[in-house]
Each structure stands twice: as structure tokens, then as C-alpha cells.
Amino acid sequence: MKLSKPITLEYTKSNLLFLLKFGSTPTESPYSHKQIAEWCERFWSAFSDIDAPEDIEKIMPVLADVETQWDLYLANTYTLSELQSNSFEDVILPIDWFIQWQHEASA
């Protein structure tokens, strides 16, 4: 699967909340759910092997969950052939997931 055009926002809690808000309103979002999941994966990877600031440590589980649920959703919805050939830019995850992630990241 080809990567999306990267979201170029800085890796901060406020930007995570900003993107999760867009994720909960996909028809109004300039970013696809795929782009949001990939951004979360890059954010998590940037801080996974270091002593991150406390505010980042608190949102690490949310970052991991967004990316993991994206992968699981695709794996459980599409065939291997589709996974190898489709772009998935138009795939929309359940909106409730983004609302829940917003609550978890805001805590």
C-alpha cells in the first residue's frame, strides 16, 4: 500500500486533537483517515524510544490505537489482493472511534 501525502503538522497534543476532530467530521476534513493514521504512526515512532515529555507520554496509547485500528480495519475488511493494490484514501473509519480518541487524548 502506497503512503499518503504526509500531514506536515508538528507532533503535539494540540495537533493530535485537531486531527482527531477532523477525523470525526470526515466530509469537512482536508485530511483522509489514512493520512491521520499515518501521521499518528509517525508521531508515535518519533517518541517511542525516548523519554518523551509527560503530555506526549499520556497520548502515546491513543496514537498507537489510531494506527493499529486503521490496520486492523483494513485487514478485516479487504482481501490481500485489495490491500496490495488499493490506495484507501477514501476509507472512513467509524466516527465514534475518533470521538472516543478525542476524549482519551483530552484526559
N, C-alpha and C. Protein backbone atom coordinates (compact mmCIF):
# COMPACT_ATOMS: atom_id res chain seq x y z
N MET A 1 0.84 -1.17 0.00
CA MET A 1 0.00 0.00 0.00
C MET A 1 0.89 1.24 0.00
N LYS A 2 0.59 2.13 -0.90
CA LYS A 2 1.36 3.37 -1.03
C LYS A 2 0.98 4.34 0.09
N LEU A 3 1.99 5.06 0.61
CA LEU A 3 1.72 6.05 1.65
C LEU A 3 1.03 7.27 1.05
N SER A 4 0.27 7.95 1.89
CA SER A 4 -0.43 9.17 1.51
C SER A 4 0.51 10.36 1.50
N LYS A 5 0.00 11.48 0.99
CA LYS A 5 0.73 12.74 1.14
C LYS A 5 0.78 13.04 2.63
N PRO A 6 1.98 13.20 3.20
CA PRO A 6 2.09 13.37 4.66
C PRO A 6 1.46 14.66 5.17
N ILE A 7 0.87 14.57 6.33
CA ILE A 7 0.41 15.75 7.06
C ILE A 7 1.67 16.36 7.68
N THR A 8 1.86 17.65 7.50
CA THR A 8 3.11 18.28 7.93
C THR A 8 2.98 19.03 9.25
N LEU A 9 2.00 18.70 10.04
CA LEU A 9 1.84 19.34 11.34
C LEU A 9 2.89 18.83 12.32
N GLU A 10 3.29 19.71 13.23
CA GLU A 10 4.22 19.34 14.30
C GLU A 10 3.57 18.29 15.20
N TYR A 11 4.40 17.45 15.79
CA TYR A 11 3.91 16.39 16.67
C TYR A 11 3.66 16.95 18.07
N THR A 12 2.41 17.40 18.29
CA THR A 12 1.99 17.94 19.58
C THR A 12 0.63 17.38 19.94
N LYS A 13 0.30 17.45 21.22
CA LYS A 13 -1.02 17.01 21.67
C LYS A 13 -2.11 17.85 21.02
N SER A 14 -1.91 19.15 20.93
CA SER A 14 -2.94 20.01 20.33
C SER A 14 -3.17 19.66 18.86
N ASN A 15 -2.12 19.31 18.14
CA ASN A 15 -2.31 18.90 16.74
C ASN A 15 -2.98 17.54 16.64
N LEU A 16 -2.71 16.65 17.57
CA LEU A 16 -3.43 15.38 17.60
C LEU A 16 -4.92 15.63 17.78
N LEU A 17 -5.27 16.47 18.75
CA LEU A 17 -6.69 16.77 18.98
C LEU A 17 -7.31 17.43 17.75
N PHE A 18 -6.57 18.30 17.10
CA PHE A 18 -7.01 18.97 15.88
C PHE A 18 -7.33 17.94 14.80
N LEU A 19 -6.45 16.97 14.61
CA LEU A 19 -6.66 15.94 13.59
C LEU A 19 -7.78 14.98 13.96
N LEU A 20 -7.89 14.64 15.24
CA LEU A 20 -8.98 13.76 15.66
C LEU A 20 -10.33 14.43 15.46
N LYS A 21 -10.39 15.73 15.66
CA LYS A 21 -11.62 16.49 15.40
C LYS A 21 -11.97 16.39 13.91
N PHE A 22 -10.98 16.58 13.04
CA PHE A 22 -11.22 16.40 11.61
C PHE A 22 -11.65 14.97 11.30
N GLY A 23 -11.07 14.00 12.00
CA GLY A 23 -11.44 12.61 11.78
C GLY A 23 -12.90 12.34 12.12
N SER A 24 -13.43 13.09 13.08
CA SER A 24 -14.83 12.89 13.47
C SER A 24 -15.79 13.62 12.53
N THR A 25 -15.26 14.42 11.62
CA THR A 25 -16.07 15.11 10.60
C THR A 25 -15.40 14.94 9.23
N PRO A 26 -15.36 13.71 8.73
CA PRO A 26 -14.57 13.43 7.52
C PRO A 26 -15.00 14.20 6.28
N THR A 27 -16.27 14.55 6.17
CA THR A 27 -16.71 15.28 4.97
C THR A 27 -16.21 16.72 4.97
N GLU A 28 -15.81 17.22 6.12
CA GLU A 28 -15.30 18.59 6.23
C GLU A 28 -13.78 18.62 6.37
N SER A 29 -13.16 17.48 6.43
CA SER A 29 -11.72 17.39 6.71
C SER A 29 -10.87 17.52 5.45
N PRO A 30 -9.78 18.27 5.54
CA PRO A 30 -8.83 18.29 4.42
C PRO A 30 -7.93 17.05 4.41
N TYR A 31 -8.04 16.21 5.44
CA TYR A 31 -7.20 15.03 5.58
C TYR A 31 -8.04 13.76 5.57
N SER A 32 -7.52 12.72 4.93
CA SER A 32 -8.20 11.43 4.95
C SER A 32 -7.90 10.71 6.26
N HIS A 33 -8.71 9.72 6.57
CA HIS A 33 -8.44 8.91 7.76
C HIS A 33 -7.11 8.19 7.60
N LYS A 34 -6.77 7.82 6.38
CA LYS A 34 -5.47 7.19 6.12
C LYS A 34 -4.34 8.15 6.48
N GLN A 35 -4.45 9.41 6.06
CA GLN A 35 -3.41 10.39 6.39
C GLN A 35 -3.30 10.59 7.89
N ILE A 36 -4.43 10.64 8.58
CA ILE A 36 -4.42 10.82 10.03
C ILE A 36 -3.75 9.62 10.71
N ALA A 37 -4.09 8.42 10.28
CA ALA A 37 -3.48 7.22 10.86
C ALA A 37 -1.98 7.19 10.62
N GLU A 38 -1.55 7.56 9.43
CA GLU A 38 -0.12 7.57 9.13
C GLU A 38 0.61 8.64 9.95
N TRP A 39 -0.02 9.80 10.13
CA TRP A 39 0.58 10.86 10.96
C TRP A 39 0.73 10.36 12.40
N CYS A 40 -0.31 9.69 12.92
CA CYS A 40 -0.23 9.15 14.28
C CYS A 40 0.89 8.12 14.40
N GLU A 41 1.06 7.30 13.39
CA GLU A 41 2.15 6.31 13.42
C GLU A 41 3.51 7.00 13.44
N ARG A 42 3.69 8.04 12.62
CA ARG A 42 4.97 8.75 12.61
C ARG A 42 5.22 9.47 13.93
N PHE A 43 4.17 10.05 14.51
CA PHE A 43 4.26 10.73 15.80
C PHE A 43 4.69 9.71 16.86
N TRP A 44 4.00 8.59 16.93
CA TRP A 44 4.33 7.55 17.91
C TRP A 44 5.78 7.10 17.73
N SER A 45 6.18 6.86 16.49
CA SER A 45 7.55 6.39 16.22
C SER A 45 8.60 7.41 16.63
N ALA A 46 8.29 8.68 16.50
CA ALA A 46 9.25 9.74 16.85
C ALA A 46 9.53 9.78 18.35
N PHE A 47 8.58 9.32 19.17
CA PHE A 47 8.73 9.41 20.62
C PHE A 47 8.79 8.06 21.33
N SER A 48 8.71 6.96 20.60
CA SER A 48 8.60 5.65 21.24
C SER A 48 9.88 5.19 21.93
N ASP A 49 11.02 5.65 21.47
CA ASP A 49 12.29 5.17 22.04
C ASP A 49 13.02 6.21 22.87
N ILE A 50 12.33 7.27 23.26
CA ILE A 50 12.96 8.32 24.06
C ILE A 50 12.09 8.63 25.27
N ASP A 51 12.66 9.36 26.21
CA ASP A 51 11.87 9.85 27.34
C ASP A 51 11.11 11.08 26.87
N ALA A 52 9.88 10.87 26.50
CA ALA A 52 9.05 11.96 25.96
C ALA A 52 8.51 12.81 27.10
N PRO A 53 8.18 14.06 26.80
CA PRO A 53 7.53 14.90 27.81
C PRO A 53 6.23 14.24 28.29
N GLU A 54 5.82 14.57 29.50
CA GLU A 54 4.66 13.92 30.12
C GLU A 54 3.40 14.03 29.26
N ASP A 55 3.16 15.19 28.65
CA ASP A 55 1.94 15.34 27.84
C ASP A 55 1.96 14.42 26.63
N ILE A 56 3.14 14.14 26.09
CA ILE A 56 3.26 13.21 24.97
C ILE A 56 3.10 11.77 25.45
N GLU A 57 3.71 11.44 26.58
CA GLU A 57 3.58 10.08 27.14
C GLU A 57 2.11 9.71 27.34
N LYS A 58 1.31 10.68 27.78
CA LYS A 58 -0.11 10.41 28.06
C LYS A 58 -0.91 10.09 26.80
N ILE A 59 -0.48 10.62 25.66
CA ILE A 59 -1.24 10.37 24.43
C ILE A 59 -0.67 9.25 23.57
N MET A 60 0.45 8.68 23.99
CA MET A 60 1.06 7.60 23.21
C MET A 60 0.09 6.43 22.97
N PRO A 61 -0.70 6.01 23.97
CA PRO A 61 -1.65 4.92 23.71
C PRO A 61 -2.69 5.28 22.65
N VAL A 62 -3.11 6.53 22.62
CA VAL A 62 -4.08 6.96 21.60
C VAL A 62 -3.44 6.92 20.22
N LEU A 63 -2.23 7.42 20.11
CA LEU A 63 -1.52 7.38 18.82
C LEU A 63 -1.40 5.95 18.32
N ALA A 64 -1.01 5.05 19.20
CA ALA A 64 -0.86 3.64 18.83
C ALA A 64 -2.20 3.03 18.44
N ASP A 65 -3.25 3.39 19.16
CA ASP A 65 -4.56 2.82 18.88
C ASP A 65 -5.10 3.29 17.53
N VAL A 66 -4.92 4.55 17.20
CA VAL A 66 -5.39 5.05 15.90
C VAL A 66 -4.75 4.25 14.77
N GLU A 67 -3.44 4.13 14.81
CA GLU A 67 -2.73 3.42 13.75
C GLU A 67 -3.08 1.93 13.73
N THR A 68 -3.16 1.32 14.90
CA THR A 68 -3.48 -0.10 14.99
C THR A 68 -4.89 -0.39 14.49
N GLN A 69 -5.85 0.42 14.90
CA GLN A 69 -7.23 0.21 14.46
C GLN A 69 -7.37 0.42 12.96
N TRP A 70 -6.61 1.36 12.41
CA TRP A 70 -6.60 1.55 10.95
C TRP A 70 -6.15 0.25 10.27
N ASP A 71 -5.03 -0.28 10.71
CA ASP A 71 -4.51 -1.51 10.12
C ASP A 71 -5.48 -2.68 10.27
N LEU A 72 -6.05 -2.83 11.47
CA LEU A 72 -6.99 -3.92 11.71
C LEU A 72 -8.26 -3.77 10.87
N TYR A 73 -8.74 -2.55 10.75
CA TYR A 73 -9.94 -2.29 9.94
C TYR A 73 -9.69 -2.72 8.50
N LEU A 74 -8.56 -2.32 7.95
CA LEU A 74 -8.24 -2.70 6.57
C LEU A 74 -8.09 -4.22 6.45
N ALA A 75 -7.36 -4.83 7.38
CA ALA A 75 -7.11 -6.27 7.32
C ALA A 75 -8.40 -7.08 7.42
N ASN A 76 -9.36 -6.58 8.19
CA ASN A 76 -10.62 -7.29 8.38
C ASN A 76 -11.67 -6.96 7.33
N THR A 77 -11.41 -5.98 6.48
CA THR A 77 -12.40 -5.52 5.52
C THR A 77 -12.04 -5.86 4.08
N TYR A 78 -10.75 -5.95 3.79
CA TYR A 78 -10.30 -6.11 2.41
C TYR A 78 -9.50 -7.39 2.22
N THR A 79 -9.49 -7.88 0.99
CA THR A 79 -8.71 -9.07 0.65
C THR A 79 -7.24 -8.69 0.52
N LEU A 80 -6.38 -9.69 0.52
CA LEU A 80 -4.95 -9.45 0.35
C LEU A 80 -4.69 -8.73 -0.97
N SER A 81 -5.36 -9.15 -2.01
CA SER A 81 -5.19 -8.51 -3.31
C SER A 81 -5.59 -7.04 -3.26
N GLU A 82 -6.69 -6.74 -2.60
CA GLU A 82 -7.13 -5.35 -2.46
C GLU A 82 -6.14 -4.55 -1.61
N LEU A 83 -5.64 -5.16 -0.56
CA LEU A 83 -4.67 -4.48 0.30
C LEU A 83 -3.39 -4.12 -0.46
N GLN A 84 -3.04 -4.95 -1.41
CA GLN A 84 -1.82 -4.71 -2.18
C GLN A 84 -2.01 -3.70 -3.31
N SER A 85 -3.26 -3.47 -3.72
CA SER A 85 -3.46 -2.63 -4.90
C SER A 85 -4.24 -1.34 -4.67
N ASN A 86 -5.03 -1.25 -3.63
CA ASN A 86 -5.86 -0.06 -3.41
C ASN A 86 -5.11 1.01 -2.64
N SER A 87 -5.57 2.26 -2.77
CA SER A 87 -4.91 3.37 -2.06
C SER A 87 -5.54 3.63 -0.69
N PHE A 88 -6.83 3.37 -0.54
CA PHE A 88 -7.57 3.52 0.72
C PHE A 88 -7.73 4.96 1.19
N GLU A 89 -7.51 5.92 0.30
CA GLU A 89 -7.68 7.33 0.66
C GLU A 89 -9.13 7.66 1.01
N ASP A 90 -10.07 6.90 0.47
CA ASP A 90 -11.49 7.18 0.69
C ASP A 90 -12.11 6.36 1.81
N VAL A 91 -11.33 5.52 2.45
CA VAL A 91 -11.86 4.69 3.54
C VAL A 91 -12.13 5.57 4.76
N ILE A 92 -13.30 5.38 5.33
CA ILE A 92 -13.69 6.15 6.53
C ILE A 92 -13.91 5.17 7.68
N LEU A 93 -13.13 5.35 8.72
CA LEU A 93 -13.30 4.55 9.95
C LEU A 93 -14.57 5.00 10.67
N PRO A 94 -15.07 4.21 11.60
CA PRO A 94 -16.23 4.64 12.38
C PRO A 94 -15.95 5.97 13.10
N ILE A 95 -16.86 6.90 12.95
CA ILE A 95 -16.72 8.24 13.53
C ILE A 95 -16.63 8.15 15.06
N ASP A 96 -17.37 7.23 15.65
CA ASP A 96 -17.35 7.08 17.12
C ASP A 96 -15.94 6.82 17.63
N TRP A 97 -15.11 6.16 16.84
CA TRP A 97 -13.73 5.90 17.27
C TRP A 97 -12.98 7.22 17.45
N PHE A 98 -13.16 8.14 16.52
CA PHE A 98 -12.47 9.43 16.62
C PHE A 98 -12.97 10.24 17.80
N ILE A 99 -14.24 10.16 18.07
CA ILE A 99 -14.80 10.86 19.23
C ILE A 99 -14.22 10.29 20.51
N GLN A 100 -14.14 8.96 20.61
CA GLN A 100 -13.55 8.31 21.78
C GLN A 100 -12.08 8.68 21.93
N TRP A 101 -11.34 8.67 20.83
CA TRP A 101 -9.92 9.03 20.88
C TRP A 101 -9.73 10.47 21.33
N GLN A 102 -10.64 11.36 20.92
CA GLN A 102 -10.57 12.75 21.38
C GLN A 102 -10.71 12.82 22.90
N HIS A 103 -11.69 12.08 23.43
CA HIS A 103 -11.90 12.06 24.89
C HIS A 103 -10.67 11.51 25.61
N GLU A 104 -10.12 10.42 25.10
CA GLU A 104 -8.95 9.81 25.73
C GLU A 104 -7.74 10.74 25.68
N ALA A 105 -7.54 11.41 24.56
CA ALA A 105 -6.38 12.30 24.41
C ALA A 105 -6.54 13.58 25.21
N SER A 106 -7.78 13.95 25.50
CA SER A 106 -8.04 15.18 26.26
C SER A 106 -7.90 14.97 27.76
N ALA A 107 -7.95 13.73 28.20
CA ALA A 107 -7.93 13.42 29.64
C ALA A 107 -6.62 13.79 30.29
